[in-house]
Amino acid sequence: MSQKYAALRHKGANYKIMDSYKNLQMWIEDNKYERLKNKWHLEIFHSWEDSEDLDV
């Protein structure tokens, strides 16, 4: 079964990343997609050296 991925870039503090995850989940629901929790998920970290300025 093929999959499509929803993506959102988070730039900012690590303690605010949950807001980005919530926004992504809301977008998925608003656009009538379903999150498949038992399938592959990806996170790409561009920068994580500074916890106040992550780029995920």
Protein backbone atom coordinates (compact mmCIF):
# COMPACT_ATOMS: atom_id res chain seq x y z
CA MET A 1 0.00 0.00 0.00
CA SER A 2 1.43 3.37 -0.95
CA GLN A 3 1.49 6.25 1.49
CA LYS A 4 1.51 10.01 1.32
CA TYR A 5 3.20 12.15 3.90
CA ALA A 6 2.07 15.37 5.51
CA ALA A 7 4.99 17.62 6.39
CA LEU A 8 5.47 20.68 8.52
CA ARG A 9 8.69 22.47 9.37
CA HIS A 10 9.29 23.47 12.98
CA LYS A 11 11.80 26.23 13.61
CA GLY A 12 12.12 27.37 17.18
CA ALA A 13 12.43 26.19 20.75
CA ASN A 14 12.22 22.49 21.57
CA TYR A 15 9.44 23.05 24.12
CA LYS A 16 7.21 24.47 21.36
CA ILE A 17 7.53 21.48 19.03
CA MET A 18 4.29 19.98 20.36
CA ASP A 19 2.45 23.01 18.94
CA SER A 20 3.82 22.12 15.51
CA TYR A 21 2.73 18.49 15.91
CA LYS A 22 -0.76 19.66 16.93
CA ASN A 23 -0.94 21.97 13.89
CA LEU A 24 0.10 19.14 11.60
CA GLN A 25 -2.50 16.80 13.12
CA MET A 26 -5.19 19.47 12.71
CA TRP A 27 -4.20 19.92 9.04
CA ILE A 28 -4.43 16.15 8.50
CA GLU A 29 -7.91 16.03 10.04
CA ASP A 30 -9.15 19.21 8.29
CA ASN A 31 -8.12 17.76 4.93
CA LYS A 32 -9.84 14.41 5.60
CA TYR A 33 -6.66 12.37 5.83
CA GLU A 34 -6.00 9.67 8.37
CA ARG A 35 -2.83 9.29 10.40
CA LEU A 36 -1.65 5.70 10.21
CA LYS A 37 0.11 5.13 13.52
CA ASN A 38 1.32 1.63 12.64
CA LYS A 39 3.21 2.80 9.51
CA TRP A 40 6.54 4.51 8.94
CA HIS A 41 7.00 8.04 10.23
CA LEU A 42 9.87 10.36 9.46
CA GLU A 43 11.46 13.31 11.21
CA ILE A 44 14.33 15.16 9.60
CA PHE A 45 16.42 17.30 11.92
CA HIS A 46 18.28 20.01 10.06
CA SER A 47 19.70 21.48 13.27
CA TRP A 48 19.33 20.46 16.91
CA GLU A 49 22.45 21.89 18.50
CA ASP A 50 20.60 24.82 20.11
CA SER A 51 17.47 23.72 22.03
CA GLU A 52 16.06 27.22 21.62
CA ASP A 53 16.45 27.13 17.83
CA LEU A 54 15.62 23.67 16.44
CA ASP A 55 15.02 23.15 12.75
CA VAL A 56 12.94 19.99 12.26
